[in-house]
Amino acid sequence: MAQCLGNKYSIPRIVESLNKASGNRLEENWYVFDHADEITEAITAELGVDLSRKYLRLGDIKKNLGATKKPSI
């Protein structure tokens, strides 16, 4: 991950940011993500995984997870 982000951020800093970016259940099918910083913005820009949205449905979360598992060509 650090290499994908151009080695601009240390691994512990990336881990800390992603831990803070975890979602909390708001309603039955909705989750709120209330953390964004320069690392989550860089992940959105470089890897195409949208971490900028504050509210996500469970289906959107699963779609994002699936996108991270696809091999890039």
Protein backbone atom coordinates (compact mmCIF):
# COMPACT_ATOMS: atom_id res chain seq x y z
CA MET A 1 0.00 0.00 0.00
CA ALA A 2 2.79 2.41 0.87
CA GLN A 3 4.37 1.81 -2.53
CA CYS A 4 1.05 2.38 -4.30
CA LEU A 5 0.88 5.76 -2.58
CA GLY A 6 4.38 6.68 -3.70
CA ASN A 7 5.97 5.97 -0.30
CA LYS A 8 4.65 9.33 0.93
CA TYR A 9 3.17 7.80 4.09
CA SER A 10 4.58 5.31 6.57
CA ILE A 11 2.84 1.97 7.01
CA PRO A 12 1.85 2.69 10.65
CA ARG A 13 0.32 6.00 9.55
CA ILE A 14 -1.66 4.28 6.77
CA VAL A 15 -2.90 1.63 9.20
CA GLU A 16 -3.94 4.29 11.71
CA SER A 17 -5.85 6.22 9.06
CA LEU A 18 -7.64 3.12 7.75
CA ASN A 19 -8.57 2.06 11.29
CA LYS A 20 -10.14 5.47 11.85
CA ALA A 21 -12.01 5.18 8.54
CA SER A 22 -14.10 2.24 9.74
CA GLY A 23 -17.86 2.58 9.45
CA ASN A 24 -20.52 2.57 12.12
CA ARG A 25 -23.98 1.19 11.55
CA LEU A 26 -26.52 3.99 11.27
CA GLU A 27 -29.63 2.06 10.26
CA GLU A 28 -30.39 -1.40 8.94
CA ASN A 29 -28.67 -1.00 5.58
CA TRP A 30 -26.74 2.26 6.09
CA TYR A 31 -23.30 2.95 7.54
CA VAL A 32 -21.63 6.26 8.36
CA PHE A 33 -17.91 6.86 7.80
CA ASP A 34 -16.86 9.98 9.67
CA HIS A 35 -13.12 10.07 9.05
CA ALA A 36 -11.29 11.51 6.08
CA ASP A 37 -7.72 12.74 5.78
CA GLU A 38 -4.99 13.11 3.19
CA ILE A 39 -4.29 9.36 3.25
CA THR A 40 -7.89 8.34 2.54
CA GLU A 41 -7.98 10.96 -0.23
CA ALA A 42 -4.75 9.53 -1.70
CA ILE A 43 -6.20 6.01 -1.60
CA THR A 44 -9.30 7.25 -3.42
CA ALA A 45 -7.18 8.98 -6.06
CA GLU A 46 -4.52 6.30 -6.59
CA LEU A 47 -6.40 3.05 -6.08
CA GLY A 48 -9.89 4.01 -7.20
CA VAL A 49 -11.47 2.88 -3.93
CA ASP A 50 -13.86 5.65 -2.95
CA LEU A 51 -13.31 6.43 0.72
CA SER A 52 -14.69 9.95 0.39
CA ARG A 53 -18.38 9.15 0.82
CA LYS A 54 -19.77 9.68 4.30
CA TYR A 55 -22.84 7.43 3.98
CA LEU A 56 -22.74 4.03 2.31
CA ARG A 57 -25.21 1.20 1.91
CA LEU A 58 -24.04 -2.32 2.68
CA GLY A 59 -24.07 -3.14 -1.05
CA ASP A 60 -21.72 -0.23 -1.77
CA ILE A 61 -19.33 -1.41 0.94
CA LYS A 62 -19.30 -4.91 -0.54
CA LYS A 63 -18.67 -3.47 -4.01
CA ASN A 64 -15.67 -1.49 -2.68
CA LEU A 65 -14.29 -4.60 -0.98
CA GLY A 66 -14.70 -6.60 -4.18
CA ALA A 67 -12.88 -3.92 -6.17
CA THR A 68 -9.87 -4.15 -3.87
CA LYS A 69 -9.58 -7.90 -4.45
CA LYS A 70 -9.54 -7.73 -8.26
CA PRO A 71 -6.05 -8.04 -9.73
CA SER A 72 -4.92 -4.94 -11.59
CA ILE A 73 -3.63 -5.48 -15.10
